[in-house]
N, C-alpha and C. Protein backbone atom coordinates (compact mmCIF):
# COMPACT_ATOMS: atom_id res chain seq x y z
N MET A 1 121.18 -21.64 -59.01
CA MET A 1 121.93 -22.69 -59.64
C MET A 1 121.20 -23.12 -60.90
N THR A 2 121.93 -23.35 -61.95
CA THR A 2 121.33 -23.73 -63.21
C THR A 2 121.58 -25.20 -63.51
N THR A 3 120.73 -25.73 -64.35
CA THR A 3 120.91 -27.12 -64.78
C THR A 3 121.97 -27.15 -65.87
N PRO A 4 122.51 -28.32 -66.19
CA PRO A 4 123.60 -28.38 -67.17
C PRO A 4 123.25 -27.78 -68.54
N ASN A 5 122.02 -27.85 -68.96
CA ASN A 5 121.68 -27.29 -70.28
C ASN A 5 121.36 -25.79 -70.21
N GLY A 6 121.50 -25.18 -69.05
CA GLY A 6 121.29 -23.75 -68.91
C GLY A 6 119.86 -23.33 -68.63
N ASP A 7 118.94 -24.27 -68.60
CA ASP A 7 117.53 -23.96 -68.34
C ASP A 7 117.31 -23.91 -66.83
N ARG A 8 116.75 -22.82 -66.35
CA ARG A 8 116.51 -22.69 -64.92
C ARG A 8 115.26 -23.46 -64.53
N SER A 9 115.30 -24.09 -63.38
CA SER A 9 114.18 -24.91 -62.94
C SER A 9 113.20 -24.13 -62.07
N ASP A 10 113.47 -22.87 -61.76
CA ASP A 10 112.60 -22.11 -60.87
C ASP A 10 111.73 -21.10 -61.62
N ARG A 11 111.47 -21.32 -62.88
CA ARG A 11 110.70 -20.38 -63.68
C ARG A 11 109.25 -20.83 -63.87
N SER A 12 108.63 -21.28 -62.83
CA SER A 12 107.24 -21.71 -62.92
C SER A 12 106.31 -20.56 -62.55
N PRO A 13 105.20 -20.41 -63.27
CA PRO A 13 104.23 -19.38 -62.89
C PRO A 13 103.60 -19.64 -61.53
N TRP A 14 103.67 -20.88 -61.06
CA TRP A 14 103.12 -21.19 -59.73
C TRP A 14 103.88 -20.47 -58.63
N ASN A 15 105.12 -20.08 -58.88
CA ASN A 15 105.91 -19.38 -57.86
C ASN A 15 105.30 -18.04 -57.49
N TRP A 16 104.51 -17.45 -58.36
CA TRP A 16 103.86 -16.18 -58.05
C TRP A 16 102.87 -16.31 -56.89
N LEU A 17 102.38 -17.52 -56.66
CA LEU A 17 101.46 -17.74 -55.55
C LEU A 17 102.14 -17.48 -54.21
N LEU A 18 103.46 -17.56 -54.16
CA LEU A 18 104.19 -17.31 -52.91
C LEU A 18 104.20 -15.83 -52.52
N VAL A 19 103.77 -14.97 -53.41
CA VAL A 19 103.68 -13.54 -53.08
C VAL A 19 102.51 -13.28 -52.13
N VAL A 20 101.48 -14.10 -52.22
CA VAL A 20 100.27 -13.89 -51.40
C VAL A 20 100.58 -13.88 -49.91
N PRO A 21 101.27 -14.90 -49.34
CA PRO A 21 101.52 -14.84 -47.90
C PRO A 21 102.52 -13.77 -47.48
N ILE A 22 103.23 -13.19 -48.42
CA ILE A 22 104.16 -12.10 -48.09
C ILE A 22 103.41 -10.77 -48.05
N VAL A 23 102.54 -10.55 -49.02
CA VAL A 23 101.84 -9.27 -49.14
C VAL A 23 100.64 -9.18 -48.20
N LEU A 24 99.95 -10.28 -47.99
CA LEU A 24 98.71 -10.26 -47.20
C LEU A 24 98.90 -9.66 -45.80
N PRO A 25 99.92 -10.03 -45.02
CA PRO A 25 100.08 -9.42 -43.70
C PRO A 25 100.51 -7.95 -43.74
N LEU A 26 100.92 -7.47 -44.91
CA LEU A 26 101.35 -6.07 -45.02
C LEU A 26 100.19 -5.12 -45.30
N LEU A 27 98.99 -5.63 -45.40
CA LEU A 27 97.81 -4.81 -45.67
C LEU A 27 97.11 -4.48 -44.34
N PRO A 28 97.38 -3.31 -43.78
CA PRO A 28 96.87 -3.00 -42.44
C PRO A 28 95.36 -2.87 -42.34
N PHE A 29 94.67 -2.57 -43.43
CA PHE A 29 93.22 -2.43 -43.34
C PHE A 29 92.54 -3.76 -43.04
N LEU A 30 93.25 -4.87 -43.21
CA LEU A 30 92.66 -6.18 -42.91
C LEU A 30 92.51 -6.41 -41.41
N PHE A 31 93.45 -5.93 -40.62
CA PHE A 31 93.41 -6.23 -39.19
C PHE A 31 93.45 -4.97 -38.32
N ASN A 32 92.99 -3.87 -38.85
CA ASN A 32 93.03 -2.61 -38.12
C ASN A 32 91.73 -2.39 -37.34
N SER A 33 91.30 -3.42 -36.63
CA SER A 33 90.09 -3.28 -35.81
C SER A 33 90.14 -4.29 -34.68
N ASP A 34 89.30 -4.08 -33.70
CA ASP A 34 89.22 -4.97 -32.55
C ASP A 34 88.15 -6.04 -32.77
N GLU A 35 87.16 -5.70 -33.51
CA GLU A 35 86.05 -6.62 -33.78
C GLU A 35 86.20 -7.21 -35.16
N PRO A 36 85.75 -8.35 -35.47
CA PRO A 36 85.03 -9.30 -34.62
C PRO A 36 86.01 -10.09 -33.75
N ARG A 37 85.49 -10.60 -32.68
CA ARG A 37 86.30 -11.43 -31.79
C ARG A 37 85.96 -12.89 -32.02
N LEU A 38 86.98 -13.73 -31.91
CA LEU A 38 86.80 -15.17 -32.08
C LEU A 38 87.28 -15.85 -30.80
N PHE A 39 86.36 -16.45 -30.07
CA PHE A 39 86.65 -17.08 -28.77
C PHE A 39 87.29 -16.09 -27.82
N GLY A 40 86.90 -14.84 -27.88
CA GLY A 40 87.42 -13.80 -26.99
C GLY A 40 88.69 -13.14 -27.46
N PHE A 41 89.29 -13.63 -28.53
CA PHE A 41 90.53 -13.04 -29.05
C PHE A 41 90.21 -11.95 -30.06
N PRO A 42 90.88 -10.79 -29.97
CA PRO A 42 90.66 -9.74 -30.96
C PRO A 42 91.07 -10.21 -32.37
N MET A 43 90.54 -9.53 -33.33
CA MET A 43 90.76 -9.91 -34.73
C MET A 43 92.24 -10.00 -35.08
N PHE A 44 93.06 -9.11 -34.56
CA PHE A 44 94.48 -9.10 -34.90
C PHE A 44 95.14 -10.45 -34.64
N TYR A 45 94.85 -11.04 -33.48
CA TYR A 45 95.53 -12.28 -33.09
C TYR A 45 95.07 -13.47 -33.92
N TRP A 46 93.77 -13.63 -34.09
CA TRP A 46 93.35 -14.81 -34.85
C TRP A 46 93.61 -14.64 -36.34
N LEU A 47 93.70 -13.40 -36.81
CA LEU A 47 94.03 -13.19 -38.22
C LEU A 47 95.50 -13.53 -38.48
N GLN A 48 96.37 -13.30 -37.50
CA GLN A 48 97.77 -13.70 -37.66
C GLN A 48 97.88 -15.22 -37.80
N LEU A 49 97.08 -15.95 -37.05
CA LEU A 49 97.07 -17.41 -37.19
C LEU A 49 96.50 -17.82 -38.55
N ALA A 50 95.54 -17.09 -39.05
CA ALA A 50 95.00 -17.37 -40.38
C ALA A 50 96.05 -17.11 -41.45
N PHE A 51 96.89 -16.08 -41.27
CA PHE A 51 97.96 -15.81 -42.22
C PHE A 51 98.96 -16.97 -42.27
N ILE A 52 99.21 -17.61 -41.14
CA ILE A 52 100.09 -18.78 -41.12
C ILE A 52 99.48 -19.90 -41.95
N ALA A 53 98.18 -20.13 -41.78
CA ALA A 53 97.50 -21.17 -42.54
C ALA A 53 97.54 -20.87 -44.04
N VAL A 54 97.37 -19.60 -44.42
CA VAL A 54 97.45 -19.21 -45.83
C VAL A 54 98.85 -19.46 -46.37
N GLY A 55 99.87 -19.13 -45.59
CA GLY A 55 101.24 -19.35 -46.02
C GLY A 55 101.57 -20.82 -46.22
N VAL A 56 101.13 -21.65 -45.29
CA VAL A 56 101.37 -23.09 -45.40
C VAL A 56 100.63 -23.65 -46.62
N THR A 57 99.41 -23.21 -46.83
CA THR A 57 98.62 -23.69 -47.97
C THR A 57 99.26 -23.28 -49.29
N CYS A 58 99.65 -22.03 -49.41
CA CYS A 58 100.29 -21.55 -50.65
C CYS A 58 101.60 -22.28 -50.91
N THR A 59 102.40 -22.47 -49.88
CA THR A 59 103.67 -23.16 -50.04
C THR A 59 103.46 -24.61 -50.46
N THR A 60 102.48 -25.27 -49.87
CA THR A 60 102.19 -26.66 -50.24
C THR A 60 101.73 -26.77 -51.68
N ILE A 61 100.86 -25.87 -52.10
CA ILE A 61 100.37 -25.90 -53.48
C ILE A 61 101.52 -25.68 -54.46
N VAL A 62 102.36 -24.69 -54.19
CA VAL A 62 103.48 -24.41 -55.09
C VAL A 62 104.43 -25.61 -55.14
N TYR A 63 104.70 -26.20 -54.01
CA TYR A 63 105.60 -27.36 -53.98
C TYR A 63 105.02 -28.51 -54.81
N GLN A 64 103.75 -28.81 -54.59
CA GLN A 64 103.12 -29.93 -55.30
C GLN A 64 103.05 -29.68 -56.80
N MET A 65 102.83 -28.45 -57.21
CA MET A 65 102.69 -28.15 -58.63
C MET A 65 104.03 -28.00 -59.35
N THR A 66 105.12 -27.76 -58.62
CA THR A 66 106.40 -27.53 -59.28
C THR A 66 107.41 -28.64 -59.08
N LYS A 67 107.09 -29.63 -58.25
CA LYS A 67 108.08 -30.69 -58.05
C LYS A 67 108.19 -31.55 -59.32
N ARG A 68 109.36 -32.03 -59.53
CA ARG A 68 109.61 -32.89 -60.69
C ARG A 68 109.63 -34.34 -60.20
N GLY A 69 109.50 -35.25 -61.14
CA GLY A 69 109.57 -36.66 -60.78
C GLY A 69 110.90 -37.00 -60.15
N ARG A 70 110.87 -37.57 -58.99
CA ARG A 70 112.10 -37.89 -58.27
C ARG A 70 112.31 -39.38 -58.22
C-alpha cells in the first residue's frame, strides 16, 4: 500500500536486518553436530531456541528504528 504522495513507507535499510533470522537457520553447518551440550540438550535444540531469540531481537530493532511518530 502506498501513501497518498506515492512514497512507499517500507523502504528503510533497517528492513535488511530481517533477512538474518530467515537465513541463519538455513545454514546447516551451524547445528550439524551433537556437541556442545547445554544442560544435557544437544546443540540442535538449544540453537533453535537461540534462533528464536535472534528473530525477536532483529524484529524489535527493525520496528523501533522504522516506526514513525504516532
